[in-house]
Each structure stands twice: as structure tokens, then as C-alpha cells.
N, C-alpha and C. Protein backbone atom coordinates (compact mmCIF):
# COMPACT_ATOMS: atom_id res chain seq x y z
N UNK A 1 20.07 43.59 8.10
CA UNK A 1 20.55 43.54 9.46
C UNK A 1 21.16 42.21 8.83
N UNK A 2 22.57 41.56 9.96
CA UNK A 2 23.38 40.03 9.39
C UNK A 2 22.15 39.16 10.68
N UNK A 3 22.04 38.19 10.16
CA UNK A 3 21.77 37.22 10.32
C UNK A 3 22.27 36.68 11.37
N UNK A 4 21.41 35.85 12.18
CA UNK A 4 21.47 36.07 13.57
C UNK A 4 21.45 34.41 13.88
N UNK A 5 22.64 34.08 15.41
CA UNK A 5 21.70 33.00 16.09
C UNK A 5 20.75 32.79 16.68
N UNK A 6 20.21 31.85 16.15
CA UNK A 6 18.25 31.91 17.26
C UNK A 6 18.40 31.84 18.79
N UNK A 7 19.80 30.58 18.74
CA UNK A 7 20.19 30.68 19.77
C UNK A 7 20.41 32.22 20.95
N UNK A 8 21.35 32.18 20.78
CA UNK A 8 22.34 32.81 21.02
C UNK A 8 22.45 34.91 20.49
N UNK A 9 21.83 34.55 19.73
CA UNK A 9 21.95 35.86 19.51
C UNK A 9 22.63 37.03 18.37
N UNK A 10 24.39 36.12 18.41
CA UNK A 10 25.55 36.38 17.73
C UNK A 10 25.39 36.84 16.35
N UNK A 11 25.88 37.59 15.58
CA UNK A 11 24.84 36.71 13.71
C UNK A 11 26.40 35.92 13.78
N UNK A 12 25.28 35.65 12.43
CA UNK A 12 26.32 33.66 12.29
C UNK A 12 27.41 34.44 10.97
N UNK A 13 28.31 33.57 10.84
CA UNK A 13 29.12 33.11 9.99
C UNK A 13 29.36 32.72 8.91
N UNK A 14 30.15 32.57 8.18
CA UNK A 14 29.86 32.56 6.48
C UNK A 14 30.12 30.19 6.55
N UNK A 15 28.38 30.21 6.15
CA UNK A 15 28.77 28.53 6.36
C UNK A 15 28.09 27.89 7.53
N UNK A 16 27.54 29.86 8.89
CA UNK A 16 26.92 28.81 9.77
C UNK A 16 25.04 29.23 9.14
N UNK A 17 24.01 28.25 9.59
CA UNK A 17 22.85 28.43 9.41
C UNK A 17 21.89 28.26 10.93
N UNK A 18 21.05 29.00 10.62
CA UNK A 18 20.03 28.79 11.57
C UNK A 18 20.96 29.04 13.00
N UNK A 19 22.33 28.52 13.33
CA UNK A 19 22.31 28.61 15.07
C UNK A 19 24.33 28.53 14.65
N UNK A 20 24.53 29.54 15.27
CA UNK A 20 25.95 29.18 15.07
C UNK A 20 27.16 28.54 15.72
N UNK A 21 28.14 28.17 15.61
CA UNK A 21 29.03 27.02 15.69
C UNK A 21 28.81 26.65 17.73
N UNK A 22 29.12 27.74 17.49
CA UNK A 22 29.85 27.27 19.14
C UNK A 22 28.31 26.63 20.44
N UNK A 23 26.63 27.68 19.10
CA UNK A 23 25.37 27.24 19.31
C UNK A 23 25.21 25.10 19.39
N UNK A 24 25.20 25.28 18.24
CA UNK A 24 26.15 23.82 17.33
C UNK A 24 26.51 22.64 18.36
N UNK A 25 26.82 22.81 19.11
CA UNK A 25 28.54 21.88 20.36
C UNK A 25 27.72 21.98 20.89
N UNK A 26 27.36 23.57 21.61
CA UNK A 26 26.72 22.36 22.66
C UNK A 26 25.46 22.89 23.35
N UNK A 27 24.16 22.41 22.08
CA UNK A 27 23.17 22.22 21.96
C UNK A 27 23.04 20.46 22.63
N UNK A 28 22.05 20.38 23.54
CA UNK A 28 22.24 19.28 24.27
C UNK A 28 21.83 18.29 24.03
N UNK A 29 22.15 17.12 22.94
CA UNK A 29 22.15 15.72 21.82
C UNK A 29 21.70 15.25 23.12
N UNK A 30 20.31 14.37 23.18
CA UNK A 30 20.23 13.18 23.63
C UNK A 30 20.99 11.70 23.14
N UNK A 31 20.68 11.85 21.68
CA UNK A 31 22.23 10.87 21.15
C UNK A 31 21.42 9.58 21.65
N UNK A 32 20.34 9.24 21.70
CA UNK A 32 19.28 8.43 22.46
C UNK A 32 19.85 7.17 20.70
N UNK A 33 19.77 7.58 19.65
CA UNK A 33 19.85 7.03 18.28
C UNK A 33 21.15 5.72 18.64
N UNK A 34 22.14 5.88 19.06
CA UNK A 34 23.25 5.12 19.57
C UNK A 34 22.54 4.46 20.52
N UNK A 35 21.74 3.83 21.29
CA UNK A 35 20.85 3.17 22.33
C UNK A 35 20.04 2.79 22.11
N UNK A 36 20.19 1.31 22.05
CA UNK A 36 19.19 0.41 21.72
C UNK A 36 17.82 0.56 23.34
N UNK A 37 16.49 0.48 22.99
CA UNK A 37 15.75 0.51 23.66
C UNK A 37 16.18 1.60 24.72
N UNK A 38 16.23 2.95 24.43
CA UNK A 38 16.39 3.96 24.65
C UNK A 38 15.32 4.66 25.66
N UNK A 39 15.02 6.55 26.87
CA UNK A 39 13.93 6.08 26.66
C UNK A 39 12.69 6.29 25.85
N UNK A 40 12.88 7.49 24.44
CA UNK A 40 12.14 7.19 23.02
C UNK A 40 11.31 6.10 23.10
N UNK A 41 12.00 5.05 22.98
CA UNK A 41 11.86 4.13 22.43
C UNK A 41 10.41 3.50 23.00
N UNK A 42 10.90 3.58 24.76
CA UNK A 42 10.10 3.06 25.71
C UNK A 42 8.16 3.76 25.82
N UNK A 43 8.88 4.32 25.22
CA UNK A 43 6.86 5.22 25.39
C UNK A 43 6.35 5.01 24.62
N UNK A 44 7.38 4.22 23.38
CA UNK A 44 6.11 2.92 22.24
C UNK A 44 5.68 1.98 22.44
N UNK A 45 6.54 0.91 23.71
CA UNK A 45 6.43 0.07 23.49
C UNK A 45 5.25 -1.16 23.72
N UNK A 46 4.92 -2.06 22.60
CA UNK A 46 4.08 -2.33 23.06
C UNK A 46 2.42 -2.18 22.61
N UNK A 47 2.78 -0.68 22.06
CA UNK A 47 1.60 -0.42 21.79
C UNK A 47 1.22 0.02 19.95
N UNK A 48 2.86 -0.05 19.29
CA UNK A 48 2.80 -0.50 17.56
C UNK A 48 3.96 -1.43 17.07
N UNK A 49 4.06 -1.10 16.53
CA UNK A 49 5.11 -1.81 15.82
C UNK A 49 5.69 -1.56 15.35
N UNK A 50 6.90 -1.51 16.68
CA UNK A 50 8.02 0.11 17.05
C UNK A 50 8.95 -0.55 16.25
N UNK A 51 9.87 0.15 14.79
CA UNK A 51 11.62 -0.47 14.43
C UNK A 51 12.38 0.37 15.90
N UNK A 52 12.76 1.89 15.80
CA UNK A 52 13.48 2.30 16.96
C UNK A 52 12.78 3.83 16.72
N UNK A 53 13.11 4.79 17.64
CA UNK A 53 13.30 5.82 17.96
C UNK A 53 13.88 7.03 18.28
N UNK A 54 13.61 8.53 18.03
CA UNK A 54 14.32 8.68 18.88
C UNK A 54 14.46 10.45 18.90
N UNK A 55 15.06 11.42 19.71
CA UNK A 55 14.85 11.89 19.60
C UNK A 55 16.28 12.75 19.68
N UNK A 56 16.50 14.02 19.17
CA UNK A 56 17.64 15.05 18.62
C UNK A 56 18.11 15.44 19.65
N UNK A 57 17.27 16.81 20.72
CA UNK A 57 18.15 17.11 21.99
C UNK A 57 16.90 17.26 22.66
N UNK A 58 17.80 17.55 23.51
CA UNK A 58 16.44 18.04 25.00
C UNK A 58 15.82 19.31 25.21
N UNK A 59 14.73 19.61 25.18
CA UNK A 59 14.15 20.90 25.08
C UNK A 59 13.58 21.03 26.99
N UNK A 60 13.56 21.98 27.09
CA UNK A 60 14.39 22.75 29.00
C UNK A 60 13.56 23.94 28.38
N UNK A 61 12.76 23.98 29.37
CA UNK A 61 11.49 25.34 29.71
C UNK A 61 12.55 26.65 29.81
N UNK A 62 13.95 26.60 30.42
CA UNK A 62 14.32 27.36 31.53
C UNK A 62 15.86 27.93 29.55
N UNK A 63 16.07 26.96 29.24
CA UNK A 63 16.37 26.82 28.09
C UNK A 63 16.68 28.37 27.27
N UNK A 64 17.77 28.75 26.37
CA UNK A 64 18.39 29.24 25.53
C UNK A 64 17.55 28.46 24.36
N UNK A 65 17.91 27.02 24.34
CA UNK A 65 18.12 26.15 22.93
C UNK A 65 16.41 25.47 23.01
N UNK A 66 15.25 26.45 23.83
CA UNK A 66 14.06 26.67 23.28
C UNK A 66 13.68 27.31 22.68
N UNK A 67 14.53 28.36 21.98
CA UNK A 67 14.40 29.35 20.94
C UNK A 67 13.62 28.52 20.30
N UNK A 68 15.14 28.02 19.81
CA UNK A 68 14.88 26.95 18.53
C UNK A 68 13.60 27.02 18.10
N UNK A 69 12.59 25.65 19.13
CA UNK A 69 11.30 25.45 18.40
C UNK A 69 10.58 26.73 18.98
N UNK A 70 10.44 27.05 19.71
CA UNK A 70 9.97 28.97 19.75
C UNK A 70 9.63 29.15 18.36
N UNK A 71 10.16 29.77 17.97
CA UNK A 71 10.62 30.31 16.56
C UNK A 71 10.37 29.66 15.58
N UNK A 72 10.97 28.92 15.76
CA UNK A 72 10.27 27.73 14.30
C UNK A 72 8.61 27.70 14.36
N UNK A 73 7.95 27.41 15.61
CA UNK A 73 6.62 26.79 15.74
C UNK A 73 5.74 28.10 15.80
N UNK A 74 5.98 29.51 16.59
CA UNK A 74 4.95 30.48 16.58
C UNK A 74 6.43 31.84 16.08
N UNK A 75 7.04 31.63 16.32
CA UNK A 75 7.90 32.99 15.99
C UNK A 75 7.31 33.05 14.02
N UNK A 76 7.00 31.85 12.94
CA UNK A 76 7.30 31.91 11.90
C UNK A 76 8.05 32.07 10.82
N UNK A 77 8.96 31.16 11.77
CA UNK A 77 10.35 31.32 11.26
C UNK A 77 10.74 29.75 10.16
N UNK A 78 10.64 29.22 9.60
CA UNK A 78 9.73 27.98 9.26
C UNK A 78 10.53 27.54 8.64
N UNK A 79 11.71 28.17 7.95
CA UNK A 79 13.29 27.54 7.78
C UNK A 79 14.21 26.93 8.49
N UNK A 80 13.73 27.32 9.52
CA UNK A 80 14.31 27.14 10.37
C UNK A 80 14.33 25.17 10.54
N UNK A 81 12.73 24.82 11.38
CA UNK A 81 12.65 23.31 10.41
C UNK A 81 13.60 22.97 9.82
N UNK A 82 13.60 23.17 8.44
CA UNK A 82 14.53 22.41 7.37
C UNK A 82 15.46 22.39 7.65
N UNK A 83 16.05 23.39 8.65
CA UNK A 83 17.97 23.30 8.70
C UNK A 83 18.20 22.43 10.11
N UNK A 84 17.57 22.56 10.83
CA UNK A 84 17.75 21.85 11.56
C UNK A 84 17.16 20.24 11.01
N UNK A 85 16.63 20.07 10.89
CA UNK A 85 16.15 18.68 10.21
C UNK A 85 17.30 17.57 9.30
N UNK A 86 18.47 18.81 8.57
CA UNK A 86 19.48 18.81 8.21
C UNK A 86 20.29 18.55 8.85
N UNK A 87 20.18 19.07 9.22
CA UNK A 87 21.41 18.05 11.11
C UNK A 87 21.50 17.79 11.05
N UNK A 88 19.91 17.46 11.99
CA UNK A 88 19.22 16.32 12.52
C UNK A 88 19.60 14.62 11.80
N UNK A 89 19.52 14.66 10.78
CA UNK A 89 19.70 14.21 9.48
C UNK A 89 20.98 13.20 9.11
N UNK A 90 21.89 14.63 9.19
CA UNK A 90 22.81 14.39 9.39
C UNK A 90 24.24 14.00 10.13
N UNK A 91 23.44 14.08 11.35
CA UNK A 91 24.20 13.30 12.29
C UNK A 91 23.52 11.86 12.90
N UNK A 92 22.69 11.82 11.85
CA UNK A 92 22.26 9.81 12.66
C UNK A 92 22.12 8.82 11.77
N UNK A 93 22.38 9.24 10.07
CA UNK A 93 22.83 8.96 9.21
C UNK A 93 24.34 7.56 8.98
N UNK A 94 25.39 8.46 9.91
CA UNK A 94 26.19 6.95 10.52
C UNK A 94 25.51 6.05 11.34
N UNK A 95 25.10 6.07 12.11
CA UNK A 95 24.06 5.51 12.93
C UNK A 95 22.65 3.84 12.22
N UNK A 96 23.01 4.33 10.68
CA UNK A 96 21.80 3.74 9.82
C UNK A 96 20.49 4.09 10.31
N UNK A 97 20.29 4.50 11.11
CA UNK A 97 18.95 5.37 11.86
C UNK A 97 17.66 4.92 10.38
N UNK A 98 18.10 5.40 9.71
CA UNK A 98 16.87 5.48 8.41
C UNK A 98 17.24 4.51 7.44
N UNK A 99 17.81 3.51 7.42
CA UNK A 99 17.98 2.14 6.49
C UNK A 99 16.67 1.25 7.09
N UNK A 100 16.21 1.35 5.62
CA UNK A 100 15.08 0.94 5.42
C UNK A 100 13.69 0.86 4.66
N UNK A 101 14.12 2.37 5.50
CA UNK A 101 12.89 3.57 6.18
C UNK A 101 12.52 3.91 4.38
N UNK A 102 10.90 3.75 3.83
CA UNK A 102 10.81 4.24 2.37
C UNK A 102 10.15 5.58 2.70
N UNK A 103 9.22 5.89 3.71
CA UNK A 103 8.47 7.57 3.62
C UNK A 103 8.12 7.95 4.63
N UNK A 104 8.47 9.38 4.98
CA UNK A 104 8.38 10.07 5.58
C UNK A 104 6.78 11.08 6.52
N UNK A 105 6.20 10.93 6.95
CA UNK A 105 5.05 11.52 7.26
C UNK A 105 5.32 11.69 8.85
N UNK A 106 5.07 13.27 8.10
CA UNK A 106 5.37 14.09 9.27
C UNK A 106 4.22 14.91 10.16
N UNK A 107 3.73 14.63 11.50
CA UNK A 107 2.00 14.93 11.92
C UNK A 107 1.35 15.62 11.11
N UNK A 108 0.15 15.81 10.78
CA UNK A 108 -0.60 16.54 10.40
C UNK A 108 -1.10 17.67 11.39
N UNK A 109 -1.45 19.13 10.84
CA UNK A 109 -1.28 19.78 11.63
C UNK A 109 -3.62 19.69 11.26
N UNK A 110 -4.54 20.18 11.94
CA UNK A 110 -5.77 20.60 10.88
C UNK A 110 -5.81 21.78 10.55
N UNK A 111 -5.82 21.89 9.40
CA UNK A 111 -5.78 22.64 7.91
C UNK A 111 -6.62 24.00 9.24
N UNK A 112 -7.13 24.46 9.74
CA UNK A 112 -7.02 25.82 10.58
C UNK A 112 -6.51 26.35 10.65
N UNK A 113 -5.25 25.60 11.95
CA UNK A 113 -4.57 26.49 12.62
C UNK A 113 -3.36 26.09 11.69
N UNK A 114 -3.36 25.04 10.36
CA UNK A 114 -2.54 25.32 9.21
C UNK A 114 -2.04 27.14 8.08
N UNK A 115 -3.56 27.14 8.39
CA UNK A 115 -3.84 28.19 7.72
C UNK A 115 -3.77 29.83 8.56
N UNK A 116 -3.90 29.22 9.35
CA UNK A 116 -3.02 30.96 10.91
C UNK A 116 -1.87 30.53 11.12
N UNK A 117 -1.28 29.54 11.11
CA UNK A 117 -0.01 29.77 11.27
C UNK A 117 0.92 29.70 10.14
N UNK A 118 0.01 29.26 9.03
CA UNK A 118 0.72 29.77 6.90
C UNK A 118 1.98 28.11 7.33
N UNK A 119 1.95 27.39 7.65
CA UNK A 119 2.60 26.01 7.37
C UNK A 119 3.17 24.88 9.15
N UNK A 120 3.23 24.29 7.91
CA UNK A 120 2.97 22.90 9.10
C UNK A 120 4.59 22.86 9.95
N UNK A 121 5.27 22.72 10.85
CA UNK A 121 6.54 22.54 11.08
C UNK A 121 7.11 21.87 11.17
N UNK A 122 6.14 20.83 11.53
CA UNK A 122 6.95 19.20 11.89
C UNK A 122 7.10 18.81 9.92
N UNK A 123 5.96 19.50 8.92
CA UNK A 123 6.98 18.91 7.33
C UNK A 123 8.04 19.35 7.19
N UNK A 124 8.13 20.39 7.58
CA UNK A 124 9.52 21.51 7.60
C UNK A 124 10.47 20.57 7.70
N UNK A 125 10.59 20.32 9.18
CA UNK A 125 11.61 19.20 9.32
C UNK A 125 11.40 18.26 8.34
N UNK A 126 10.74 17.78 8.16
CA UNK A 126 10.47 16.71 7.45
C UNK A 126 11.31 16.96 6.53
N UNK A 127 11.47 17.43 5.88
CA UNK A 127 11.62 18.25 4.40
C UNK A 127 13.22 18.67 4.93
N UNK A 128 13.56 18.48 5.95
CA UNK A 128 15.54 18.62 6.56
C UNK A 128 16.34 17.16 6.27
N UNK A 129 15.32 16.66 6.49
CA UNK A 129 15.46 14.96 7.51
C UNK A 129 14.90 14.93 5.30
N UNK A 130 14.47 14.71 5.26
CA UNK A 130 14.73 13.99 3.16
C UNK A 130 15.59 14.42 2.18
N UNK A 131 15.99 15.79 2.64
CA UNK A 131 16.98 16.97 1.81
C UNK A 131 18.20 15.74 1.92
N UNK A 132 18.64 15.42 3.38
CA UNK A 132 19.48 14.30 3.19
C UNK A 132 19.46 12.66 3.04
N UNK A 133 18.19 12.70 3.12
CA UNK A 133 18.33 11.12 3.61
C UNK A 133 17.48 10.71 1.29
N UNK A 134 17.31 11.53 1.28
CA UNK A 134 16.22 11.24 -0.43
C UNK A 134 15.30 10.62 0.18
N UNK A 135 14.45 10.44 1.31
CA UNK A 135 13.16 9.51 1.97
C UNK A 135 12.31 10.49 1.20
N UNK A 136 11.28 10.27 0.15
CA UNK A 136 10.09 10.96 0.03
C UNK A 136 9.02 11.78 1.56
N UNK A 137 8.35 12.54 1.40
CA UNK A 137 7.72 13.05 2.68
C UNK A 137 5.80 12.45 2.08
N UNK A 138 5.88 12.39 2.43
CA UNK A 138 3.67 11.78 2.84
C UNK A 138 3.01 12.45 3.29
N UNK A 139 2.21 13.66 3.21
CA UNK A 139 1.43 14.62 3.25
C UNK A 139 0.49 14.10 3.53
N UNK A 140 0.06 12.70 2.35
CA UNK A 140 -1.97 13.21 2.30
C UNK A 140 -2.02 11.97 2.85
N UNK A 141 -1.65 10.68 3.49
CA UNK A 141 -1.87 9.33 3.59
C UNK A 141 -2.53 9.52 5.98
N UNK A 142 -2.51 10.98 6.27
CA UNK A 142 -3.18 11.01 7.60
C UNK A 142 -3.36 12.90 7.76
N UNK A 143 -4.64 12.28 7.88
CA UNK A 143 -5.23 13.86 8.07
C UNK A 143 -5.86 13.57 9.50
N UNK A 144 -5.44 15.43 10.45
CA UNK A 144 -5.90 15.52 11.16
C UNK A 144 -7.36 16.53 10.92
N UNK A 145 -7.99 15.77 11.57
CA UNK A 145 -9.95 15.97 11.73
C UNK A 145 -10.28 16.43 12.53
N UNK A 146 -9.91 16.77 13.90
CA UNK A 146 -10.24 17.66 14.47
C UNK A 146 -9.01 18.36 15.11
N UNK A 147 -9.46 19.54 15.13
CA UNK A 147 -8.68 20.86 15.98
C UNK A 147 -9.35 20.96 17.36
N UNK A 148 -8.02 20.56 17.95
CA UNK A 148 -7.60 20.16 19.28
C UNK A 148 -7.04 21.09 20.26
N UNK A 149 -6.65 21.79 21.13
CA UNK A 149 -5.82 22.92 21.53
C UNK A 149 -4.21 22.17 22.26
N UNK A 150 -2.96 22.67 21.86
CA UNK A 150 -1.82 22.52 22.21
C UNK A 150 -1.55 21.96 23.46
N UNK A 151 -0.84 20.97 22.71
CA UNK A 151 -0.49 19.66 23.89
C UNK A 151 0.36 20.32 25.01
N UNK A 152 1.22 21.90 23.84
CA UNK A 152 2.84 21.95 25.39
C UNK A 152 2.36 22.97 26.12
N UNK A 153 0.58 23.45 26.25
CA UNK A 153 0.43 23.69 26.77
C UNK A 153 0.17 22.93 28.58
N UNK A 154 -0.22 21.86 28.08
CA UNK A 154 -0.42 20.48 29.06
C UNK A 154 0.83 19.80 30.55
N UNK A 155 0.89 20.08 31.46
CA UNK A 155 1.71 19.47 32.08
C UNK A 155 2.07 18.20 31.77
N UNK A 156 3.29 17.86 32.09
CA UNK A 156 3.64 15.83 31.68
C UNK A 156 2.96 15.43 32.52
N UNK A 157 2.73 15.89 33.59
CA UNK A 157 1.78 14.38 34.49
C UNK A 157 0.82 14.47 33.97
N UNK A 158 -0.41 15.21 33.36
CA UNK A 158 -0.77 15.09 33.01
C UNK A 158 -1.52 14.19 31.52
N UNK A 159 -1.02 13.32 32.04
CA UNK A 159 -1.07 12.17 31.12
C UNK A 159 -2.66 12.09 29.83
N UNK A 160 -3.11 11.46 31.48
CA UNK A 160 -4.58 11.11 30.96
C UNK A 160 -5.46 12.72 30.20
N UNK A 161 -5.02 13.81 30.57
CA UNK A 161 -6.38 14.88 30.03
C UNK A 161 -5.31 14.50 28.31
N UNK A 162 -3.71 15.06 28.44
CA UNK A 162 -3.31 14.46 26.93
C UNK A 162 -4.03 13.47 25.94
N UNK A 163 -3.96 12.44 25.93
CA UNK A 163 -4.37 10.93 26.43
C UNK A 163 -6.44 11.71 25.04
N UNK A 164 -6.48 11.73 26.43
CA UNK A 164 -7.78 12.70 26.11
C UNK A 164 -8.42 13.60 25.30
N UNK A 165 -7.01 14.76 25.17
CA UNK A 165 -6.94 14.94 24.11
C UNK A 165 -7.34 14.81 22.63
N UNK A 166 -5.92 13.85 22.59
CA UNK A 166 -5.39 13.44 21.53
C UNK A 166 -6.57 12.31 19.99
N UNK A 167 -7.76 11.67 21.30
CA UNK A 167 -8.00 10.46 20.75
C UNK A 167 -9.03 10.81 19.83
N UNK A 168 -9.09 10.01 18.55
CA UNK A 168 -9.82 9.94 17.74
C UNK A 168 -9.87 11.46 16.52
N UNK A 169 -7.89 12.47 16.46
CA UNK A 169 -7.72 13.19 15.82
C UNK A 169 -7.56 12.93 14.18
N UNK A 170 -6.80 11.83 14.15
CA UNK A 170 -5.49 10.82 13.48
C UNK A 170 -6.64 10.68 12.54
N UNK A 171 -7.09 10.33 11.24
CA UNK A 171 -7.59 9.82 10.18
C UNK A 171 -7.00 9.16 8.54
N UNK A 172 -6.41 7.54 8.72
CA UNK A 172 -6.27 7.74 8.06
C UNK A 172 -6.73 6.88 6.19
N UNK A 173 -6.40 7.85 5.12
CA UNK A 173 -6.18 7.61 4.00
C UNK A 173 -5.90 6.32 3.23
N UNK A 174 -6.76 5.64 2.17
CA UNK A 174 -5.58 4.93 1.79
C UNK A 174 -4.60 4.09 2.06
N UNK A 175 -4.95 3.62 3.25
CA UNK A 175 -3.85 2.07 3.71
C UNK A 175 -3.77 1.45 2.79
N UNK A 176 -4.13 1.14 1.62
CA UNK A 176 -3.42 0.18 1.38
C UNK A 176 -2.07 0.70 0.64
N UNK A 177 -1.90 1.71 0.47
CA UNK A 177 -0.48 2.17 -0.27
C UNK A 177 0.05 2.37 0.77
N UNK A 178 -0.12 1.71 2.15
CA UNK A 178 0.91 2.16 3.01
C UNK A 178 1.52 0.47 3.17
N UNK A 179 0.93 -0.38 2.86
CA UNK A 179 0.54 -2.18 3.20
C UNK A 179 2.41 -2.27 2.44
N UNK A 180 3.02 -2.79 3.79
CA UNK A 180 4.29 -3.33 3.57
C UNK A 180 5.57 -2.35 3.95
N UNK A 181 5.33 -1.61 4.35
CA UNK A 181 6.16 0.72 4.19
C UNK A 181 6.53 0.17 5.49
N UNK A 182 7.61 0.50 5.41
CA UNK A 182 8.44 1.32 7.06
C UNK A 182 8.39 2.95 6.64
N UNK A 183 7.83 3.70 7.59
CA UNK A 183 7.00 4.15 7.82
C UNK A 183 7.50 5.45 9.26
N UNK A 184 8.75 6.74 8.53
CA UNK A 184 8.92 7.81 10.10
C UNK A 184 8.09 8.36 9.75
N UNK A 185 7.37 8.78 11.17
CA UNK A 185 6.50 10.10 11.60
C UNK A 185 7.44 10.40 12.48
N UNK A 186 7.99 12.37 11.19
CA UNK A 186 8.10 12.66 12.48
C UNK A 186 7.54 14.27 12.73
N UNK A 187 7.61 14.39 14.44
CA UNK A 187 7.50 15.79 15.11
C UNK A 187 8.65 16.52 14.83
N UNK A 188 7.70 18.43 15.83
CA UNK A 188 8.64 18.87 16.23
C UNK A 188 9.36 18.84 17.62
N UNK A 189 8.48 18.48 19.04
CA UNK A 189 9.13 17.93 20.21
C UNK A 189 8.66 16.67 21.09
N UNK A 190 8.80 16.29 21.21
CA UNK A 190 8.00 14.77 22.46
C UNK A 190 7.70 15.00 23.98
N UNK A 191 6.40 15.49 24.51
CA UNK A 191 6.49 15.10 25.72
C UNK A 191 6.07 13.87 26.73
N UNK A 192 4.69 13.65 26.07
CA UNK A 192 4.63 11.90 26.59
C UNK A 192 4.37 11.01 25.52
N UNK A 193 4.13 11.70 24.24
CA UNK A 193 4.57 11.24 23.37
C UNK A 193 2.67 10.78 22.73
N UNK A 194 2.02 11.17 23.32
CA UNK A 194 0.65 10.80 23.58
C UNK A 194 -0.30 11.81 21.91
N UNK A 195 0.36 12.99 21.43
CA UNK A 195 0.24 12.94 19.94
C UNK A 195 0.75 11.83 18.51
N UNK A 196 2.10 11.65 19.41
CA UNK A 196 2.54 10.73 18.31
C UNK A 196 1.83 9.79 18.06
N UNK A 197 1.65 8.65 19.38
CA UNK A 197 1.31 7.62 19.63
C UNK A 197 -0.04 7.80 18.40
N UNK A 198 -0.95 8.74 18.71
CA UNK A 198 -2.72 8.80 17.63
C UNK A 198 -2.17 8.39 16.22
N UNK A 199 -1.07 9.30 16.58
CA UNK A 199 -1.06 9.38 14.64
C UNK A 199 0.09 8.25 14.54
N UNK A 200 0.77 7.42 15.17
CA UNK A 200 0.48 5.62 15.08
C UNK A 200 0.27 5.06 14.38
N UNK A 201 -1.42 5.46 15.85
CA UNK A 201 -2.24 4.32 16.08
C UNK A 201 -3.43 4.16 14.85
N UNK A 202 -2.97 4.99 13.63
CA UNK A 202 -3.87 4.59 12.78
C UNK A 202 -3.35 3.61 11.60
N UNK A 203 -1.88 3.24 12.06
CA UNK A 203 -1.07 2.71 11.18
C UNK A 203 -1.59 1.18 11.25
N UNK A 204 -1.29 1.22 12.62
CA UNK A 204 -1.06 -0.36 13.37
C UNK A 204 -1.90 -1.51 12.89
N UNK A 205 -3.41 -1.57 11.72
CA UNK A 205 -4.48 -2.37 11.54
C UNK A 205 -3.95 -1.98 10.05
N UNK A 206 -2.45 -1.39 8.97
CA UNK A 206 -1.61 -1.57 7.60
C UNK A 206 -1.33 -2.77 7.78
N UNK A 207 -1.11 -3.80 6.60
CA UNK A 207 -0.80 -4.85 6.50
C UNK A 207 0.67 -4.52 6.58
N UNK A 208 1.46 -5.30 7.43
CA UNK A 208 2.71 -5.44 7.53
C UNK A 208 3.09 -4.38 7.52
N UNK A 209 3.42 -3.77 8.35
CA UNK A 209 3.27 -1.43 8.56
C UNK A 209 4.54 -2.17 9.46
N UNK A 210 5.67 -1.36 9.43
CA UNK A 210 6.55 -1.13 10.40
C UNK A 210 7.14 0.74 10.23
N UNK A 211 6.92 0.92 11.86
CA UNK A 211 6.88 2.18 12.12
C UNK A 211 8.25 2.85 13.33
N UNK A 212 8.96 4.39 12.67
CA UNK A 212 10.06 4.89 13.23
C UNK A 212 9.33 6.10 13.30
N UNK A 213 10.33 6.42 14.71
CA UNK A 213 9.40 7.55 15.17
C UNK A 213 10.93 8.73 15.17
N UNK A 214 11.15 9.78 14.39
CA UNK A 214 11.68 10.81 15.28
C UNK A 214 11.12 11.95 15.42
N UNK A 215 11.63 12.94 15.80
CA UNK A 215 12.35 14.32 16.84
C UNK A 215 12.43 14.56 17.04
N UNK A 216 12.08 16.70 16.93
CA UNK A 216 13.51 16.87 16.76
C UNK A 216 13.87 17.97 18.10
N UNK A 217 12.76 17.27 19.33
CA UNK A 217 13.77 17.74 20.72
C UNK A 217 12.55 16.80 21.40
N UNK A 218 13.01 16.85 22.72
CA UNK A 218 11.67 16.52 23.54
C UNK A 218 11.62 16.22 24.85
N UNK A 219 11.08 17.03 25.29
CA UNK A 219 11.19 17.25 27.01
C UNK A 219 11.97 16.65 27.77
N UNK A 220 12.29 17.23 28.71
CA UNK A 220 13.69 16.07 29.56
C UNK A 220 12.49 16.05 31.33
């Protein structure tokens, strides 16, 4: 069977990975990395020591581009994460988004959920980012100690429900190893930011910590 674009289903040409050139051009990019005080950054203002934050493209429920995330997260196609992570990082490089970042921490999955899925999709996105930037990945410092229900089935409007769902689910290990570092938290999709904030909040008491946030997509 030919390799096909995960968005439109057409066979991929030589040199194309995951998505075809036409779909790549039409990907609904946010370009928020070019905007100071963009909507992603505003989600986290005053809550964590935030340096910068962005999401690569807009996630719309009826759009074919949602298939990128659906096949990555539920279709067993983990390589999509690494490929899209590389695409994303390559476009953000020229804006100096990664300047000064010491380590990448992908949002962890609970071990039971990871055993069922077979991998952590955010970690695979982080692998792609790391391949382009050379920034190392840390999957040991933050653990997910509670196996919560997925946030994707909750409405954007139920912000309090989402916050209750993720409260206290992450735990920081060996905080002294992160002192003075600039951390990049990577996730697949941003809705209200509750899960990302819960993860980042584990780091706020670490001495001289700085935090940036990058997600592959965000709900528009």
C-alpha cells in the first residue's frame, strides 16, 4: 500500500512525510510564536513563571486536520508525533522561540494509560522537537500519579470541571536537578490549558525556574 497523507488520503510523493505538500501549505497555523502576549500566553499569565508559549495549528472539530491528532493519539501512529514535532520546530527556529531552553518535558501519561496506548504521544512530539533543536528530553522529573479521564471529551465551557479533573495529578521528582533551568513543556493539544497548567504548577517552587509551553495544536 502506498504511504498516504493522514489529512487528505492522497499518496505521498518522494520526500513527503505524514502530510502532503498541499495539506502542509493549508495547515491552519496560528503563527502565535510571532506574537508577543498571544492568546496561548494569556492562558497562563500570573499563574506560572512564563517566558513564552504557543501552539502550532488550530484544531477544529469538523476539519480534516483533526486526523493528525486523532491518528497520533488513538490510531497507534506514534511516528506522526515525531514528524509533526520536526515540522513545528523547524518553523519556530527562526523566531528564536527555543533560545535559552535547557530541557524539554513532555506532559506525562499515567503508566496504566501508557501501557494501554503503548506510547506517550506528547513524548513523540517532543522527540521531533529535540531532533531539530538538540534540546534534551526529560521524562523522569514529573510523574503522573492519577489516571484521570480524558480532557478531550469535556466541553471548553466546563473550565472548573477540567480543573477538578487534573488537580494534584502530577508529582515532581528531584526538583534540585531543575533549579535555574528554562523548561519547555510539550503537549499535543491545548483546550483550556488546565492539564498543562497542572503540570507546570509542579515546577513553580523550584529555585529560579523559567517555563515555556509548546503544543502541536489548540482548540480554536
